[in-house]
Amino acid sequence: MDSNYRLPPARDKLVVHLTINREKKQDEFLEEIRQFLDDLQNELKTLSSPAD
């Protein structure tokens, strides 16, 4: 991705940037990263929803 890439402002959005500093990425490592991001997304949704 272009280092000058910018997302438009959106007050109702959260953007998480992740940099993987490895030339070669094993499939298992990438799957762990995907799982981490899925878990993070779910937790952030939980925290941002109105309390009952």
N, C-alpha and C. Protein backbone atom coordinates (compact mmCIF):
# COMPACT_ATOMS: atom_id res chain seq x y z
N MET A 1 0.85 -1.17 0.00
CA MET A 1 0.00 0.00 0.00
C MET A 1 0.90 1.24 0.00
N ASP A 2 0.45 2.25 -0.67
CA ASP A 2 1.17 3.51 -0.75
C ASP A 2 1.29 4.13 0.64
N SER A 3 2.49 4.55 1.02
CA SER A 3 2.70 5.13 2.35
C SER A 3 1.98 6.46 2.53
N ASN A 4 1.50 7.05 1.45
CA ASN A 4 0.74 8.30 1.53
C ASN A 4 -0.76 8.05 1.55
N TYR A 5 -1.17 6.80 1.62
CA TYR A 5 -2.59 6.45 1.64
C TYR A 5 -3.25 7.01 2.89
N ARG A 6 -4.39 7.64 2.70
CA ARG A 6 -5.13 8.22 3.83
C ARG A 6 -6.59 7.81 3.75
N LEU A 7 -7.16 7.46 4.87
CA LEU A 7 -8.58 7.18 4.94
C LEU A 7 -9.32 8.48 5.23
N PRO A 8 -10.52 8.63 4.70
CA PRO A 8 -11.29 9.83 5.02
C PRO A 8 -11.71 9.81 6.49
N PRO A 9 -11.83 10.97 7.10
CA PRO A 9 -12.26 11.02 8.51
C PRO A 9 -13.65 10.39 8.68
N ALA A 10 -13.82 9.66 9.75
CA ALA A 10 -15.11 9.05 10.08
C ALA A 10 -15.17 8.88 11.59
N ARG A 11 -15.96 9.70 12.24
CA ARG A 11 -16.02 9.67 13.70
C ARG A 11 -16.56 8.35 14.25
N ASP A 12 -17.32 7.61 13.46
CA ASP A 12 -17.90 6.37 13.94
C ASP A 12 -17.07 5.14 13.57
N LYS A 13 -15.83 5.34 13.15
CA LYS A 13 -14.96 4.23 12.75
C LYS A 13 -13.67 4.23 13.55
N LEU A 14 -13.09 3.07 13.66
CA LEU A 14 -11.78 2.91 14.29
C LEU A 14 -10.90 2.15 13.31
N VAL A 15 -9.73 2.66 13.06
CA VAL A 15 -8.79 2.01 12.14
C VAL A 15 -7.58 1.55 12.94
N VAL A 16 -7.25 0.28 12.78
CA VAL A 16 -6.08 -0.29 13.44
C VAL A 16 -5.07 -0.63 12.35
N HIS A 17 -3.88 -0.11 12.49
CA HIS A 17 -2.81 -0.39 11.54
C HIS A 17 -1.89 -1.44 12.14
N LEU A 18 -1.48 -2.36 11.31
CA LEU A 18 -0.61 -3.44 11.76
C LEU A 18 0.52 -3.58 10.75
N THR A 19 1.74 -3.58 11.25
CA THR A 19 2.89 -3.78 10.38
C THR A 19 3.58 -5.07 10.77
N ILE A 20 3.81 -5.92 9.79
CA ILE A 20 4.53 -7.17 10.01
C ILE A 20 5.92 -6.99 9.42
N ASN A 21 6.90 -6.98 10.29
CA ASN A 21 8.27 -6.70 9.87
C ASN A 21 9.02 -8.02 9.60
N ARG A 22 8.55 -8.73 8.59
CA ARG A 22 9.18 -9.99 8.20
C ARG A 22 9.12 -10.10 6.68
N GLU A 23 10.21 -10.56 6.09
CA GLU A 23 10.20 -10.77 4.65
C GLU A 23 9.40 -12.00 4.27
N LYS A 24 9.58 -13.08 5.03
CA LYS A 24 8.86 -14.32 4.78
C LYS A 24 7.88 -14.53 5.92
N LYS A 25 6.64 -14.82 5.56
CA LYS A 25 5.60 -15.01 6.56
C LYS A 25 5.03 -16.42 6.43
N GLN A 26 5.18 -17.20 7.47
CA GLN A 26 4.65 -18.56 7.46
C GLN A 26 3.13 -18.51 7.59
N ASP A 27 2.46 -19.47 6.97
CA ASP A 27 1.00 -19.52 7.00
C ASP A 27 0.46 -19.55 8.42
N GLU A 28 1.12 -20.31 9.29
CA GLU A 28 0.66 -20.39 10.68
C GLU A 28 0.73 -19.03 11.37
N PHE A 29 1.80 -18.31 11.12
CA PHE A 29 1.95 -16.97 11.69
C PHE A 29 0.84 -16.05 11.19
N LEU A 30 0.58 -16.08 9.89
CA LEU A 30 -0.46 -15.23 9.33
C LEU A 30 -1.84 -15.58 9.89
N GLU A 31 -2.09 -16.86 10.09
CA GLU A 31 -3.37 -17.27 10.67
C GLU A 31 -3.50 -16.76 12.11
N GLU A 32 -2.43 -16.79 12.87
CA GLU A 32 -2.46 -16.25 14.23
C GLU A 32 -2.75 -14.75 14.22
N ILE A 33 -2.18 -14.03 13.27
CA ILE A 33 -2.44 -12.60 13.15
C ILE A 33 -3.91 -12.36 12.80
N ARG A 34 -4.43 -13.14 11.86
CA ARG A 34 -5.85 -13.00 11.50
C ARG A 34 -6.75 -13.28 12.70
N GLN A 35 -6.43 -14.30 13.46
CA GLN A 35 -7.23 -14.63 14.65
C GLN A 35 -7.15 -13.51 15.68
N PHE A 36 -5.96 -12.98 15.88
CA PHE A 36 -5.79 -11.85 16.80
C PHE A 36 -6.66 -10.67 16.37
N LEU A 37 -6.65 -10.35 15.08
CA LEU A 37 -7.44 -9.22 14.60
C LEU A 37 -8.94 -9.48 14.72
N ASP A 38 -9.36 -10.72 14.46
CA ASP A 38 -10.77 -11.06 14.65
C ASP A 38 -11.18 -10.90 16.11
N ASP A 39 -10.34 -11.41 17.02
CA ASP A 39 -10.63 -11.28 18.46
C ASP A 39 -10.66 -9.81 18.87
N LEU A 40 -9.72 -9.04 18.38
CA LEU A 40 -9.67 -7.61 18.70
C LEU A 40 -10.93 -6.90 18.20
N GLN A 41 -11.33 -7.21 16.99
CA GLN A 41 -12.53 -6.60 16.43
C GLN A 41 -13.76 -6.92 17.28
N ASN A 42 -13.89 -8.18 17.68
CA ASN A 42 -15.04 -8.58 18.51
C ASN A 42 -15.02 -7.88 19.86
N GLU A 43 -13.85 -7.77 20.46
CA GLU A 43 -13.75 -7.10 21.76
C GLU A 43 -14.08 -5.61 21.64
N LEU A 44 -13.59 -4.97 20.60
CA LEU A 44 -13.89 -3.55 20.40
C LEU A 44 -15.37 -3.32 20.15
N LYS A 45 -16.01 -4.22 19.43
CA LYS A 45 -17.46 -4.11 19.22
C LYS A 45 -18.19 -4.23 20.55
N THR A 46 -17.75 -5.16 21.39
CA THR A 46 -18.37 -5.35 22.70
C THR A 46 -18.21 -4.09 23.56
N LEU A 47 -17.00 -3.54 23.55
CA LEU A 47 -16.74 -2.36 24.37
C LEU A 47 -17.48 -1.12 23.88
N SER A 48 -17.75 -1.05 22.58
CA SER A 48 -18.37 0.15 22.04
C SER A 48 -19.91 0.06 22.02
N SER A 49 -20.47 -1.12 22.33
CA SER A 49 -21.92 -1.20 22.33
C SER A 49 -22.49 -0.65 23.64
N PRO A 50 -23.70 -0.11 23.55
CA PRO A 50 -24.31 0.47 24.76
C PRO A 50 -24.47 -0.55 25.87
N ALA A 51 -24.28 -0.11 27.07
CA ALA A 51 -24.43 -0.99 28.24
C ALA A 51 -25.91 -1.26 28.47
N ASP A 52 -26.22 -2.47 28.89
CA ASP A 52 -27.62 -2.84 29.19
C ASP A 52 -28.02 -2.39 30.56
